[in-house]
Amino acid sequence: MILYEWEASHAILRTVLVGPVSAEDIRQHLNAMAKAEMFGRAELIDARGTVGPAPSVSELWLLADHARRLMAGLGLGPRAMVVDDTFNYWVARVFANFLSGLMPIEVFRTEPAARQWLLSQSADCPEAQAAG
């Protein structure tokens, strides 16, 4: 399941992944983000609550390709992903690498570190400031 909330005080979209999260769940989330015109916002993606198998490398590649098509030509806010185990850290790094160059994106092991980086990136990102 993928949940999200808008933290107006920090101008951050907080996305939380809970339980098993499939590639299709992520695809649907990307589609919902596009429909809601949320890609310009800074996003904190908390994946510490995921369980079960992660998407495969080929699924990550297809998801990144889908995201690139949805985001083409848009002003994009930065993304910070938080994971708390080694395997999911590397899965998140692979996905971030597939999206590199499209937007500022990083993977962290703690939420405070992710927030600090995200807020510093948001300060330098006119799209994220305008979306706030």
Protein backbone atom coordinates (compact mmCIF):
# COMPACT_ATOMS: atom_id res chain seq x y z
CA MET A 1 0.00 0.00 0.00
CA ILE A 2 1.21 3.51 -0.80
CA LEU A 3 -0.10 6.42 1.25
CA TYR A 4 0.76 10.08 1.00
CA GLU A 5 0.17 13.32 2.83
CA TRP A 6 1.07 16.94 2.20
CA GLU A 7 3.20 18.52 4.93
CA ALA A 8 2.38 22.16 4.28
CA SER A 9 4.66 23.43 7.06
CA HIS A 10 7.71 21.99 5.23
CA ALA A 11 6.30 22.00 1.66
CA ILE A 12 7.03 18.27 1.39
CA LEU A 13 4.90 15.48 -0.01
CA ARG A 14 5.43 12.55 2.37
CA THR A 15 4.85 9.18 0.71
CA VAL A 16 4.79 6.05 2.89
CA LEU A 17 5.09 2.51 1.56
CA VAL A 18 3.51 -0.08 3.88
CA GLY A 19 3.45 -3.87 3.63
CA PRO A 20 4.01 -5.61 0.32
CA VAL A 21 4.43 -3.06 -2.50
CA SER A 22 4.41 -4.36 -6.05
CA ALA A 23 5.70 -2.78 -9.23
CA GLU A 24 2.06 -2.24 -10.22
CA ASP A 25 1.42 -0.38 -6.95
CA ILE A 26 4.33 1.94 -7.77
CA ARG A 27 3.09 2.41 -11.35
CA GLN A 28 -0.36 3.36 -10.05
CA HIS A 29 1.21 5.79 -7.58
CA LEU A 30 3.20 7.44 -10.39
CA ASN A 31 0.01 7.76 -12.44
CA ALA A 32 -1.85 9.32 -9.49
CA MET A 33 1.03 11.76 -8.94
CA ALA A 34 0.91 12.78 -12.61
CA LYS A 35 -2.87 13.23 -12.55
CA ALA A 36 -2.63 15.37 -9.39
CA GLU A 37 0.27 17.37 -10.90
CA MET A 38 2.48 16.63 -7.89
CA PHE A 39 5.83 16.00 -9.59
CA GLY A 40 6.95 19.59 -8.98
CA ARG A 41 6.80 19.11 -5.22
CA ALA A 42 9.63 17.89 -3.01
CA GLU A 43 8.88 14.30 -1.98
CA LEU A 44 10.04 12.24 0.99
CA ILE A 45 9.49 8.55 0.21
CA ASP A 46 9.53 6.42 3.36
CA ALA A 47 9.96 2.77 2.37
CA ARG A 48 10.89 1.48 5.83
CA GLY A 49 7.51 -0.23 6.23
CA THR A 50 7.76 -2.46 3.17
CA VAL A 51 7.80 -6.24 3.46
CA GLY A 52 8.03 -9.05 0.96
CA PRO A 53 9.86 -9.22 -2.34
CA ALA A 54 11.11 -5.99 -3.90
CA PRO A 55 10.58 -5.24 -7.59
CA SER A 56 13.15 -6.90 -9.85
CA VAL A 57 15.81 -4.91 -11.68
CA SER A 58 13.84 -5.24 -14.92
CA GLU A 59 10.68 -4.00 -13.15
CA LEU A 60 12.65 -1.07 -11.72
CA TRP A 61 13.90 -0.22 -15.22
CA LEU A 62 10.33 -0.29 -16.60
CA LEU A 63 9.08 1.85 -13.70
CA ALA A 64 11.86 4.38 -14.27
CA ASP A 65 11.02 4.48 -17.98
CA HIS A 66 7.34 5.03 -17.11
CA ALA A 67 8.28 7.81 -14.67
CA ARG A 68 10.50 9.48 -17.27
CA ARG A 69 7.62 9.51 -19.77
CA LEU A 70 5.19 10.94 -17.20
CA MET A 71 7.68 13.59 -16.05
CA ALA A 72 8.95 14.64 -19.48
CA GLY A 73 9.12 18.40 -19.84
CA LEU A 74 7.95 19.11 -16.28
CA GLY A 75 9.70 21.08 -13.57
CA LEU A 76 10.51 18.41 -10.98
CA GLY A 77 11.02 18.64 -7.26
CA PRO A 78 13.71 16.63 -5.48
CA ARG A 79 13.10 13.12 -4.13
CA ALA A 80 14.57 11.56 -0.97
CA MET A 81 13.99 7.86 -0.27
CA VAL A 82 14.39 6.40 3.23
CA VAL A 83 15.08 2.69 3.72
CA ASP A 84 16.35 0.86 6.77
CA ASP A 85 17.85 -2.40 5.57
CA THR A 86 20.77 -3.18 3.29
CA PHE A 87 18.85 -5.05 0.58
CA ASN A 88 16.20 -2.33 0.17
CA TYR A 89 18.92 0.30 0.26
CA TRP A 90 20.51 -1.22 -2.83
CA VAL A 91 17.13 -1.68 -4.56
CA ALA A 92 16.41 2.03 -3.94
CA ARG A 93 19.90 3.00 -5.18
CA VAL A 94 19.33 1.09 -8.43
CA PHE A 95 16.00 2.87 -8.95
CA ALA A 96 17.57 6.25 -8.13
CA ASN A 97 20.36 5.56 -10.62
CA PHE A 98 17.79 4.75 -13.32
CA LEU A 99 16.23 8.18 -12.65
CA SER A 100 19.51 10.09 -12.31
CA GLY A 101 19.73 13.25 -14.35
CA LEU A 102 15.96 13.69 -14.35
CA MET A 103 15.72 15.27 -10.88
CA PRO A 104 17.74 15.46 -7.67
CA ILE A 105 17.21 12.06 -6.01
CA GLU A 106 19.02 10.38 -3.12
CA VAL A 107 18.64 7.38 -0.81
CA PHE A 108 19.07 7.59 2.98
CA ARG A 109 18.96 5.26 5.96
CA THR A 110 17.41 7.83 8.34
CA GLU A 111 14.51 10.23 7.96
CA PRO A 112 16.32 13.21 9.58
CA ALA A 113 19.18 12.93 7.07
CA ALA A 114 16.69 12.64 4.19
CA ARG A 115 14.70 15.66 5.40
CA GLN A 116 17.83 17.78 5.81
CA TRP A 117 18.97 16.98 2.27
CA LEU A 118 15.48 17.40 0.83
CA LEU A 119 14.99 20.81 2.43
CA SER A 120 18.41 21.95 1.20
CA GLN A 121 17.53 20.79 -2.32
CA SER A 122 14.08 22.39 -2.15
CA ALA A 123 15.64 25.73 -1.29
CA ASP A 124 17.56 25.50 -4.58
CA CYS A 125 14.58 24.26 -6.62
CA PRO A 126 12.22 26.96 -7.98
CA GLU A 127 9.67 24.31 -9.05
CA ALA A 128 9.41 22.94 -5.52
CA GLN A 129 9.13 26.44 -4.07
CA ALA A 130 6.40 27.41 -6.55
CA ALA A 131 4.48 24.18 -5.79
CA GLY A 132 4.60 24.93 -2.03
